[in-house]
N, C-alpha and C. Protein backbone atom coordinates (compact mmCIF):
# COMPACT_ATOMS: atom_id res chain seq x y z
N THR A 1 -3.20 -11.79 -6.66
CA THR A 1 -2.49 -11.20 -5.85
C THR A 1 -0.73 -11.28 -6.24
N HIS A 2 -0.58 -11.79 -7.55
CA HIS A 2 1.07 -11.80 -7.61
C HIS A 2 0.89 -10.11 -7.50
N ALA A 3 0.85 -9.38 -7.82
CA ALA A 3 0.44 -7.69 -8.26
C ALA A 3 0.80 -7.31 -7.19
N CYS A 4 0.18 -7.69 -6.26
CA CYS A 4 -0.32 -6.51 -5.07
C CYS A 4 0.93 -7.75 -4.30
N LEU A 5 1.65 -8.13 -4.41
CA LEU A 5 2.82 -9.25 -3.81
C LEU A 5 3.41 -7.66 -3.76
N GLY A 6 3.96 -8.72 -5.60
CA GLY A 6 4.68 -7.38 -6.02
C GLY A 6 5.03 -6.18 -5.40
N ASP A 7 3.80 -5.45 -5.74
CA ASP A 7 3.99 -3.62 -4.84
C ASP A 7 4.65 -4.16 -3.48
N ILE A 8 3.82 -4.62 -3.00
CA ILE A 8 4.95 -4.92 -1.22
C ILE A 8 6.44 -5.47 -1.35
N ALA A 9 6.41 -6.32 -1.82
CA ALA A 9 8.08 -6.62 -1.99
C ALA A 9 9.23 -5.77 -2.49
N ALA A 10 7.94 -4.55 -3.23
CA ALA A 10 8.94 -3.46 -3.99
C ALA A 10 9.89 -2.86 -3.11
N PHE A 11 8.80 -2.69 -1.90
CA PHE A 11 10.24 -1.97 -0.89
C PHE A 11 10.10 -3.46 0.51
N GLU A 12 11.62 -3.06 -0.30
CA GLU A 12 12.89 -5.01 0.52
C GLU A 12 12.83 -4.68 2.31
N SER A 13 13.09 -2.72 2.50
CA SER A 13 13.77 -2.32 3.28
C SER A 13 12.54 -2.00 4.55
N ALA A 14 11.89 -2.29 3.89
CA ALA A 14 10.55 -1.91 4.50
C ALA A 14 9.80 -3.07 5.72
N ALA A 15 10.20 -3.53 6.72
CA ALA A 15 9.27 -4.42 7.03
C ALA A 15 8.50 -3.84 8.31
N ARG A 16 7.30 -4.79 9.03
CA ARG A 16 6.27 -4.40 9.66
C ARG A 16 5.70 -3.73 9.40
N CYS A 17 5.12 -3.40 8.75
CA CYS A 17 3.67 -2.16 8.55
C CYS A 17 3.09 -3.38 7.70
N CYS A 18 1.83 -3.20 8.30
CA CYS A 18 0.85 -3.04 7.72
C CYS A 18 -0.36 -1.95 7.25
N GLN A 19 -0.71 -0.89 8.29
CA GLN A 19 -1.06 -0.11 6.80
C GLN A 19 -0.28 0.37 5.77
N ARG A 20 0.42 0.29 5.62
CA ARG A 20 1.16 0.51 4.03
C ARG A 20 0.82 -0.84 3.19
N ASP A 21 1.50 -1.86 3.54
CA ASP A 21 1.29 -3.13 3.27
C ASP A 21 -0.80 -3.53 2.28
N CYS A 22 -1.25 -2.74 3.76
CA CYS A 22 -3.05 -3.74 2.91
C CYS A 22 -3.36 -1.53 2.55
N TRP A 23 -2.36 -0.77 2.19
CA TRP A 23 -2.87 0.02 0.88
C TRP A 23 -2.68 0.00 0.06
N LEU A 24 -0.89 -0.63 -0.54
CA LEU A 24 -0.50 -1.14 -1.28
C LEU A 24 -1.18 -1.84 -2.52
N ALA A 25 -1.88 -3.21 -1.58
CA ALA A 25 -2.64 -4.26 -1.66
C ALA A 25 -3.93 -3.57 -2.48
N LEU A 26 -4.67 -2.56 -2.05
CA LEU A 26 -5.80 -2.18 -2.38
C LEU A 26 -5.30 -1.50 -3.34
N ARG A 27 -4.78 -0.35 -3.65
CA ARG A 27 -4.41 0.08 -4.14
C ARG A 27 -4.18 -0.38 -6.09
N ARG A 28 -3.42 -1.93 -6.13
CA ARG A 28 -3.20 -2.15 -7.13
C ARG A 28 -4.51 -3.43 -7.66
N ALA A 29 -5.28 -3.72 -6.57
CA ALA A 29 -6.10 -4.42 -6.91
C ALA A 29 -7.34 -3.85 -7.65
N ALA A 30 -7.33 -1.95 -6.74
CA ALA A 30 -8.48 -1.46 -7.56
C ALA A 30 -7.85 -0.73 -9.08
N ALA A 31 -6.96 -0.53 -9.60
CA ALA A 31 -5.98 -0.57 -10.41
C ALA A 31 -6.34 -1.89 -11.65
N LEU A 32 -6.20 -2.57 -11.23
CA LEU A 32 -6.43 -3.69 -12.01
C LEU A 32 -8.42 -4.73 -11.92
N SER A 33 -8.65 -4.14 -10.85
CA SER A 33 -9.50 -4.43 -11.31
C SER A 33 -10.73 -3.51 -12.78
N THR A 34 -10.41 -2.53 -12.79
CA THR A 34 -11.20 -2.26 -14.39
C THR A 34 -10.68 -2.52 -15.57
N ASP A 35 -9.64 -3.67 -15.53
CA ASP A 35 -9.72 -4.73 -16.39
C ASP A 35 -10.70 -6.65 -16.17
N LEU A 36 -11.19 -6.65 -14.40
CA LEU A 36 -11.69 -7.75 -14.03
C LEU A 36 -12.85 -7.89 -13.61
N LEU A 37 -13.39 -6.94 -13.33
CA LEU A 37 -14.45 -6.96 -13.18
C LEU A 37 -15.75 -5.59 -13.24
N PRO A 38 -16.90 -6.15 -13.80
CA PRO A 38 -17.51 -5.33 -14.29
C PRO A 38 -18.02 -3.94 -13.77
N VAL A 39 -17.50 -3.41 -12.56
CA VAL A 39 -17.36 -2.69 -11.58
C VAL A 39 -16.38 -2.05 -11.37
N PRO A 40 -15.56 -1.63 -12.06
CA PRO A 40 -14.05 -1.50 -10.90
C PRO A 40 -14.44 -0.66 -9.53
N LEU A 41 -12.77 -1.43 -8.48
CA LEU A 41 -13.11 -0.13 -7.35
C LEU A 41 -12.76 0.84 -7.17
N LYS A 42 -12.80 1.43 -6.18
CA LYS A 42 -12.01 3.44 -6.37
C LYS A 42 -11.16 2.81 -4.91
N ALA A 43 -9.81 3.48 -5.44
CA ALA A 43 -8.99 3.43 -4.41
C ALA A 43 -8.12 5.02 -4.31
N GLY A 44 -8.74 5.74 -4.73
CA GLY A 44 -8.16 7.17 -4.84
C GLY A 44 -8.50 8.00 -3.92
N MET A 45 -8.67 8.05 -2.61
CA MET A 45 -8.60 8.25 -0.92
C MET A 45 -7.55 8.98 -0.93
N PRO A 46 -6.49 9.84 -0.52
CA PRO A 46 -5.28 9.61 0.09
C PRO A 46 -5.65 9.43 1.83
N LEU A 47 -4.35 8.65 2.07
CA LEU A 47 -4.26 7.88 3.10
C LEU A 47 -2.82 8.75 3.98
N THR A 48 -2.98 8.95 5.01
CA THR A 48 -2.06 9.09 5.93
C THR A 48 -1.69 8.44 6.60
N CYS A 49 -0.25 8.09 6.95
CA CYS A 49 -0.20 7.67 8.41
C CYS A 49 -0.08 8.59 9.81
N ARG A 50 -0.61 7.81 10.64
CA ARG A 50 -0.51 8.68 12.09
C ARG A 50 0.18 7.73 12.21
N GLN A 51 0.43 6.89 12.82
CA GLN A 51 0.79 5.78 13.69
C GLN A 51 2.57 5.71 13.32
N TYR A 52 2.90 6.36 12.14
CA TYR A 52 4.72 5.81 11.93
C TYR A 52 5.47 6.39 13.84
N ARG A 53 5.35 6.77 14.83
CA ARG A 53 6.02 6.98 16.14
C ARG A 53 5.61 5.61 16.52
N ALA A 54 4.98 5.13 16.68
CA ALA A 54 5.07 3.35 17.61
C ALA A 54 5.23 2.49 16.66
N ASN A 55 5.61 2.55 15.82
CA ASN A 55 5.99 1.82 14.47
C ASN A 55 8.37 1.62 14.65
N PRO A 56 8.81 0.97 15.88
CA PRO A 56 10.69 1.49 15.23
C PRO A 56 10.62 0.88 13.74
N SER A 57 10.53 0.58 13.17
CA SER A 57 10.59 -0.34 12.17
C SER A 57 10.05 0.03 10.84
N CYS A 58 9.75 1.40 11.31
CA CYS A 58 9.15 2.89 10.22
C CYS A 58 10.34 2.63 9.59
N MET A 59 9.86 3.15 7.54
CA MET A 59 10.58 3.56 6.54
C MET A 59 11.12 4.94 6.51
N GLY A 60 10.37 5.16 7.47
CA GLY A 60 10.33 7.32 6.68
C GLY A 60 9.79 7.83 6.26
N LYS A 61 10.82 8.83 5.98
CA LYS A 61 9.78 9.70 4.72
C LYS A 61 9.86 8.52 3.31
N GLU A 62 10.20 7.98 3.05
CA GLU A 62 11.10 6.46 2.11
C GLU A 62 8.72 6.22 1.93
N CYS A 63 8.14 6.40 2.99
CA CYS A 63 7.16 5.82 3.19
C CYS A 63 5.65 6.53 2.09
N PRO A 64 5.02 5.73 1.20
CA PRO A 64 4.62 6.16 0.12
C PRO A 64 2.72 6.74 1.06
N LEU A 65 2.75 6.54 2.61
CA LEU A 65 1.53 7.00 3.34
C LEU A 65 2.70 8.79 3.85
N ARG A 66 3.53 8.65 3.98
CA ARG A 66 3.82 9.57 4.97
C ARG A 66 5.10 10.82 3.60
N GLY A 67 4.51 10.23 2.23
CA GLY A 67 5.09 11.08 1.05
C GLY A 67 4.64 12.66 1.55
């Protein structure tokens, strides 16, 4: 949990994006799962945001989902 929240907190100027925060948490959980679980989780599929126009707090091109 700490590692996932750390990844989310690294985007301190990026408020109010559930999609980005979930993506960051899932990606970190998958990375950690190789050491913690007998079957590692996969989170390698690229994700592209299509909701940025609806979020006035979007961090724009700085967001890893828009990159």
